[in-house]
């Protein structure tokens, strides 16, 4: 009985690790952790930031988002205001050819058909490095780089939405099916 129960929980953990759920809601600056506000105030972009509270399967976070020089930026913090990472939206054509080739190879092996919806480059580093990167005073190469790609892909049956994570060289590290909130009641 104990082995069966343990196996059930292990399978549940593995199943949840392969699914992704996010729900964002707008957040007023007065509700943002002070440390997160101070970080964004130190960013030297002449732009307006919007704040969001994000709920997901791993926990909650606070995000500051903006569009600057034609690019979408997202700065993620934990709920106490400690910075987690920066994500910058990019286009397929702007990526290095070798990285695109590696990613394409993975996508072709996973799906019979696929369509890339969104690509983000994720930068992780210590707070001073991330601030310097946003202020164009440090190179992105001074951080850990990953690619998060949202894909509408078809394995068998109907297409589904997935988020795939790749290393800076374009090697697949994680794939999660994007799940949507289930509602038992009709919403009007």
C-alpha atoms as a PDB file:
ATOM      1  CA  UNK A   1       0.000   0.000   0.000  1.00  0.00           C
ATOM      2  CA  UNK A   2       2.809   2.434   0.925  1.00  0.00           C
ATOM      3  CA  UNK A   3       4.636   1.685  -2.337  1.00  0.00           C
ATOM      4  CA  UNK A   4       1.424   2.277  -4.337  1.00  0.00           C
ATOM      5  CA  UNK A   5       0.752   5.570  -2.566  1.00  0.00           C
ATOM      6  CA  UNK A   6       4.348   6.712  -3.032  1.00  0.00           C
ATOM      7  CA  UNK A   7       4.250   5.821  -6.729  1.00  0.00           C
ATOM      8  CA  UNK A   8       0.996   7.786  -7.108  1.00  0.00           C
ATOM      9  CA  UNK A   9       2.585  10.935  -5.623  1.00  0.00           C
ATOM     10  CA  UNK A  10       5.734  10.566  -7.758  1.00  0.00           C
ATOM     11  CA  UNK A  11       3.581  10.283 -10.883  1.00  0.00           C
ATOM     12  CA  UNK A  12       1.571  13.338  -9.792  1.00  0.00           C
ATOM     13  CA  UNK A  13       4.766  15.360  -9.298  1.00  0.00           C
ATOM     14  CA  UNK A  14       6.074  14.336 -12.731  1.00  0.00           C
ATOM     15  CA  UNK A  15       2.736  15.164 -14.371  1.00  0.00           C
ATOM     16  CA  UNK A  16       2.597  18.638 -12.813  1.00  0.00           C
ATOM     17  CA  UNK A  17       6.196  19.345 -13.825  1.00  0.00           C
ATOM     18  CA  UNK A  18       5.137  18.869 -17.440  1.00  0.00           C
ATOM     19  CA  UNK A  19       2.267  21.331 -17.312  1.00  0.00           C
ATOM     20  CA  UNK A  20       2.304  25.094 -17.121  1.00  0.00           C
ATOM     21  CA  UNK A  21      -0.449  27.359 -15.870  1.00  0.00           C
ATOM     22  CA  UNK A  22      -0.188  31.121 -15.526  1.00  0.00           C
ATOM     23  CA  UNK A  23      -2.765  33.730 -14.697  1.00  0.00           C
ATOM     24  CA  UNK A  24      -1.835  37.398 -14.621  1.00  0.00           C
ATOM     25  CA  UNK A  25      -3.754  40.281 -13.133  1.00  0.00           C
ATOM     26  CA  UNK A  26      -2.874  43.973 -13.092  1.00  0.00           C
ATOM     27  CA  UNK A  27      -1.252  45.260  -9.954  1.00  0.00           C
ATOM     28  CA  UNK A  28      -1.267  48.838  -8.717  1.00  0.00           C
ATOM     29  CA  UNK A  29       2.188  50.261  -7.896  1.00  0.00           C
ATOM     30  CA  UNK A  30       1.093  50.715  -4.270  1.00  0.00           C
ATOM     31  CA  UNK A  31       0.794  46.903  -3.992  1.00  0.00           C
ATOM     32  CA  UNK A  32       4.235  46.204  -5.494  1.00  0.00           C
ATOM     33  CA  UNK A  33       7.021  45.159  -3.082  1.00  0.00           C
ATOM     34  CA  UNK A  34       9.283  48.186  -2.368  1.00  0.00           C
ATOM     35  CA  UNK A  35      12.459  46.385  -3.479  1.00  0.00           C
ATOM     36  CA  UNK A  36      10.913  45.658  -6.905  1.00  0.00           C
ATOM     37  CA  UNK A  37       9.797  49.289  -7.276  1.00  0.00           C
ATOM     38  CA  UNK A  38      13.290  50.528  -6.396  1.00  0.00           C
ATOM     39  CA  UNK A  39      14.869  48.228  -8.969  1.00  0.00           C
ATOM     40  CA  UNK A  40      12.570  49.425 -11.781  1.00  0.00           C
ATOM     41  CA  UNK A  41      13.069  53.067 -10.742  1.00  0.00           C
ATOM     42  CA  UNK A  42      16.830  52.522 -11.228  1.00  0.00           C
ATOM     43  CA  UNK A  43      16.300  51.336 -14.829  1.00  0.00           C
ATOM     44  CA  UNK A  44      17.309  54.134 -17.214  1.00  0.00           C
ATOM     45  CA  UNK A  45      14.694  53.453 -19.882  1.00  0.00           C
ATOM     46  CA  UNK A  46      12.410  56.350 -20.629  1.00  0.00           C
ATOM     47  CA  UNK A  47       9.278  54.227 -20.592  1.00  0.00           C
ATOM     48  CA  UNK A  48       6.227  53.421 -18.520  1.00  0.00           C
ATOM     49  CA  UNK A  49       6.162  50.083 -16.690  1.00  0.00           C
ATOM     50  CA  UNK A  50       3.001  48.102 -15.976  1.00  0.00           C
ATOM     51  CA  UNK A  51       2.829  45.796 -12.970  1.00  0.00           C
ATOM     52  CA  UNK A  52       1.265  42.330 -12.832  1.00  0.00           C
ATOM     53  CA  UNK A  53       0.682  39.658 -10.218  1.00  0.00           C
ATOM     54  CA  UNK A  54       1.257  36.200 -11.689  1.00  0.00           C
ATOM     55  CA  UNK A  55      -0.131  32.964 -10.305  1.00  0.00           C
ATOM     56  CA  UNK A  56       1.348  29.707 -11.534  1.00  0.00           C
ATOM     57  CA  UNK A  57       1.832  26.079 -10.474  1.00  0.00           C
ATOM     58  CA  UNK A  58       5.230  26.770  -8.870  1.00  0.00           C
ATOM     59  CA  UNK A  59       4.136  29.806  -6.860  1.00  0.00           C
ATOM     60  CA  UNK A  60       3.359  33.461  -7.340  1.00  0.00           C
ATOM     61  CA  UNK A  61       5.444  36.338  -8.648  1.00  0.00           C
ATOM     62  CA  UNK A  62       5.335  40.016  -9.510  1.00  0.00           C
ATOM     63  CA  UNK A  63       6.250  41.252 -12.991  1.00  0.00           C
ATOM     64  CA  UNK A  64       7.044  44.634 -14.444  1.00  0.00           C
ATOM     65  CA  UNK A  65       6.446  44.866 -18.194  1.00  0.00           C
ATOM     66  CA  UNK A  66       7.165  47.496 -20.804  1.00  0.00           C
ATOM     67  CA  UNK A  67       7.830  48.009 -24.469  1.00  0.00           C
ATOM     68  CA  UNK A  68      11.016  49.913 -25.297  1.00  0.00           C
ATOM     69  CA  UNK A  69      12.690  50.478 -28.684  1.00  0.00           C
ATOM     70  CA  UNK A  70      10.324  47.985 -30.311  1.00  0.00           C
ATOM     71  CA  UNK A  71      11.031  45.178 -27.813  1.00  0.00           C
ATOM     72  CA  UNK A  72       8.870  43.818 -25.012  1.00  0.00           C
ATOM     73  CA  UNK A  73      10.622  43.509 -21.645  1.00  0.00           C
ATOM     74  CA  UNK A  74       9.459  41.611 -18.603  1.00  0.00           C
ATOM     75  CA  UNK A  75      11.259  41.760 -15.257  1.00  0.00           C
ATOM     76  CA  UNK A  76      10.159  39.068 -12.814  1.00  0.00           C
ATOM     77  CA  UNK A  77      10.409  39.311  -9.025  1.00  0.00           C
ATOM     78  CA  UNK A  78       9.351  36.990  -6.252  1.00  0.00           C
ATOM     79  CA  UNK A  79       6.532  38.240  -4.009  1.00  0.00           C
ATOM     80  CA  UNK A  80       9.027  39.900  -1.636  1.00  0.00           C
ATOM     81  CA  UNK A  81      10.598  41.934  -4.461  1.00  0.00           C
ATOM     82  CA  UNK A  82      13.773  39.928  -5.130  1.00  0.00           C
ATOM     83  CA  UNK A  83      14.561  39.901  -8.840  1.00  0.00           C
ATOM     84  CA  UNK A  84      14.400  36.521 -10.587  1.00  0.00           C
ATOM     85  CA  UNK A  85      15.134  37.245 -14.246  1.00  0.00           C
ATOM     86  CA  UNK A  86      14.646  39.472 -17.277  1.00  0.00           C
ATOM     87  CA  UNK A  87      12.858  38.307 -20.411  1.00  0.00           C
ATOM     88  CA  UNK A  88      13.161  40.099 -23.735  1.00  0.00           C
ATOM     89  CA  UNK A  89      10.936  39.145 -26.640  1.00  0.00           C
ATOM     90  CA  UNK A  90      12.808  38.479 -29.862  1.00  0.00           C
ATOM     91  CA  UNK A  91      12.102  37.325 -33.405  1.00  0.00           C
ATOM     92  CA  UNK A  92      13.122  34.049 -35.032  1.00  0.00           C
ATOM     93  CA  UNK A  93      15.111  35.842 -37.751  1.00  0.00           C
ATOM     94  CA  UNK A  94      17.160  37.747 -35.160  1.00  0.00           C
ATOM     95  CA  UNK A  95      18.463  34.573 -33.518  1.00  0.00           C
ATOM     96  CA  UNK A  96      21.817  33.012 -34.381  1.00  0.00           C
ATOM     97  CA  UNK A  97      21.539  30.532 -37.267  1.00  0.00           C
ATOM     98  CA  UNK A  98      23.157  27.692 -35.288  1.00  0.00           C
ATOM     99  CA  UNK A  99      20.714  28.180 -32.388  1.00  0.00           C
ATOM    100  CA  UNK A 100      17.743  28.272 -34.788  1.00  0.00           C
ATOM    101  CA  UNK A 101      18.958  25.051 -36.401  1.00  0.00           C
ATOM    102  CA  UNK A 102      19.183  23.255 -33.034  1.00  0.00           C
ATOM    103  CA  UNK A 103      15.745  24.491 -31.987  1.00  0.00           C
ATOM    104  CA  UNK A 104      14.197  23.531 -35.343  1.00  0.00           C
ATOM    105  CA  UNK A 105      15.648  20.033 -35.022  1.00  0.00           C
ATOM    106  CA  UNK A 106      14.006  19.625 -31.598  1.00  0.00           C
ATOM    107  CA  UNK A 107      10.661  20.985 -32.768  1.00  0.00           C
ATOM    108  CA  UNK A 108      10.638  18.733 -35.835  1.00  0.00           C
ATOM    109  CA  UNK A 109      11.355  15.668 -33.684  1.00  0.00           C
ATOM    110  CA  UNK A 110       8.602  16.527 -31.167  1.00  0.00           C
ATOM    111  CA  UNK A 111       5.747  17.599 -33.425  1.00  0.00           C
ATOM    112  CA  UNK A 112       4.262  16.575 -36.754  1.00  0.00           C
ATOM    113  CA  UNK A 113       3.336  20.251 -37.229  1.00  0.00           C
ATOM    114  CA  UNK A 114       4.224  23.333 -35.225  1.00  0.00           C
ATOM    115  CA  UNK A 115       3.928  27.103 -35.234  1.00  0.00           C
ATOM    116  CA  UNK A 116       6.071  29.381 -33.060  1.00  0.00           C
ATOM    117  CA  UNK A 117       3.866  31.869 -31.213  1.00  0.00           C
ATOM    118  CA  UNK A 118       6.415  33.769 -29.103  1.00  0.00           C
ATOM    119  CA  UNK A 119      10.154  33.718 -28.357  1.00  0.00           C
ATOM    120  CA  UNK A 120      11.703  35.229 -25.245  1.00  0.00           C
ATOM    121  CA  UNK A 121      15.334  35.352 -24.241  1.00  0.00           C
ATOM    122  CA  UNK A 122      15.624  34.903 -20.484  1.00  0.00           C
ATOM    123  CA  UNK A 123      18.569  36.420 -18.616  1.00  0.00           C
ATOM    124  CA  UNK A 124      19.385  35.304 -15.061  1.00  0.00           C
ATOM    125  CA  UNK A 125      22.136  36.816 -12.919  1.00  0.00           C
ATOM    126  CA  UNK A 126      22.730  38.750  -9.732  1.00  0.00           C
ATOM    127  CA  UNK A 127      20.732  41.957  -9.253  1.00  0.00           C
ATOM    128  CA  UNK A 128      23.575  44.412 -10.143  1.00  0.00           C
ATOM    129  CA  UNK A 129      24.329  42.546 -13.388  1.00  0.00           C
ATOM    130  CA  UNK A 130      20.662  42.493 -14.438  1.00  0.00           C
ATOM    131  CA  UNK A 131      20.330  46.211 -13.719  1.00  0.00           C
ATOM    132  CA  UNK A 132      23.495  46.926 -15.709  1.00  0.00           C
ATOM    133  CA  UNK A 133      22.155  44.857 -18.608  1.00  0.00           C
ATOM    134  CA  UNK A 134      18.888  46.812 -18.667  1.00  0.00           C
ATOM    135  CA  UNK A 135      20.858  50.065 -18.535  1.00  0.00           C
ATOM    136  CA  UNK A 136      23.145  48.977 -21.420  1.00  0.00           C
ATOM    137  CA  UNK A 137      26.174  49.038 -19.117  1.00  0.00           C
ATOM    138  CA  UNK A 138      26.835  45.279 -19.261  1.00  0.00           C
ATOM    139  CA  UNK A 139      26.643  42.593 -21.889  1.00  0.00           C
ATOM    140  CA  UNK A 140      23.901  39.995 -21.907  1.00  0.00           C
ATOM    141  CA  UNK A 141      26.703  37.415 -22.011  1.00  0.00           C
ATOM    142  CA  UNK A 142      27.420  38.216 -18.348  1.00  0.00           C
ATOM    143  CA  UNK A 143      24.236  36.333 -17.431  1.00  0.00           C
ATOM    144  CA  UNK A 144      22.810  32.849 -17.827  1.00  0.00           C
ATOM    145  CA  UNK A 145      20.820  32.788 -21.060  1.00  0.00           C
ATOM    146  CA  UNK A 146      17.877  30.575 -21.964  1.00  0.00           C
ATOM    147  CA  UNK A 147      15.222  30.709 -24.656  1.00  0.00           C
ATOM    148  CA  UNK A 148      11.552  30.271 -23.803  1.00  0.00           C
ATOM    149  CA  UNK A 149       9.503  29.473 -26.870  1.00  0.00           C
ATOM    150  CA  UNK A 150       5.719  29.202 -26.962  1.00  0.00           C
ATOM    151  CA  UNK A 151       4.640  26.783 -29.673  1.00  0.00           C
ATOM    152  CA  UNK A 152       1.334  25.556 -31.019  1.00  0.00           C
ATOM    153  CA  UNK A 153       2.265  21.976 -31.796  1.00  0.00           C
ATOM    154  CA  UNK A 154       0.568  18.834 -32.980  1.00  0.00           C
ATOM    155  CA  UNK A 155       1.846  15.433 -31.899  1.00  0.00           C
ATOM    156  CA  UNK A 156      -1.290  13.391 -32.528  1.00  0.00           C
ATOM    157  CA  UNK A 157      -4.866  14.576 -32.462  1.00  0.00           C
ATOM    158  CA  UNK A 158      -5.541  18.249 -31.897  1.00  0.00           C
ATOM    159  CA  UNK A 159      -2.780  20.870 -31.626  1.00  0.00           C
ATOM    160  CA  UNK A 160      -1.911  22.089 -28.119  1.00  0.00           C
ATOM    161  CA  UNK A 161       0.079  24.986 -26.721  1.00  0.00           C
ATOM    162  CA  UNK A 162       3.493  24.266 -25.245  1.00  0.00           C
ATOM    163  CA  UNK A 163       6.308  26.201 -23.638  1.00  0.00           C
ATOM    164  CA  UNK A 164       9.750  24.859 -24.442  1.00  0.00           C
ATOM    165  CA  UNK A 165      12.955  25.958 -22.753  1.00  0.00           C
ATOM    166  CA  UNK A 166      16.295  25.812 -24.554  1.00  0.00           C
ATOM    167  CA  UNK A 167      19.874  26.507 -23.473  1.00  0.00           C
ATOM    168  CA  UNK A 168      21.849  29.392 -24.923  1.00  0.00           C
ATOM    169  CA  UNK A 169      23.046  26.955 -27.620  1.00  0.00           C
ATOM    170  CA  UNK A 170      19.514  25.853 -28.520  1.00  0.00           C
ATOM    171  CA  UNK A 171      19.431  22.488 -26.737  1.00  0.00           C
ATOM    172  CA  UNK A 172      16.027  21.494 -25.323  1.00  0.00           C
ATOM    173  CA  UNK A 173      15.929  21.352 -21.518  1.00  0.00           C
ATOM    174  CA  UNK A 174      12.205  21.398 -20.696  1.00  0.00           C
ATOM    175  CA  UNK A 175       8.792  21.119 -22.302  1.00  0.00           C
ATOM    176  CA  UNK A 176       5.489  21.964 -20.626  1.00  0.00           C
ATOM    177  CA  UNK A 177       1.974  21.831 -21.954  1.00  0.00           C
ATOM    178  CA  UNK A 178       0.214  25.124 -21.275  1.00  0.00           C
ATOM    179  CA  UNK A 179      -3.015  24.451 -19.444  1.00  0.00           C
ATOM    180  CA  UNK A 180      -5.867  26.851 -19.015  1.00  0.00           C
ATOM    181  CA  UNK A 181      -8.023  27.489 -15.981  1.00  0.00           C
ATOM    182  CA  UNK A 182     -10.866  25.031 -15.737  1.00  0.00           C
ATOM    183  CA  UNK A 183     -14.184  26.537 -14.768  1.00  0.00           C
ATOM    184  CA  UNK A 184     -17.199  24.573 -13.657  1.00  0.00           C
ATOM    185  CA  UNK A 185     -19.500  27.556 -14.020  1.00  0.00           C
ATOM    186  CA  UNK A 186     -20.324  29.583 -17.054  1.00  0.00           C
ATOM    187  CA  UNK A 187     -18.990  33.109 -16.893  1.00  0.00           C
ATOM    188  CA  UNK A 188     -21.135  35.909 -18.261  1.00  0.00           C
END
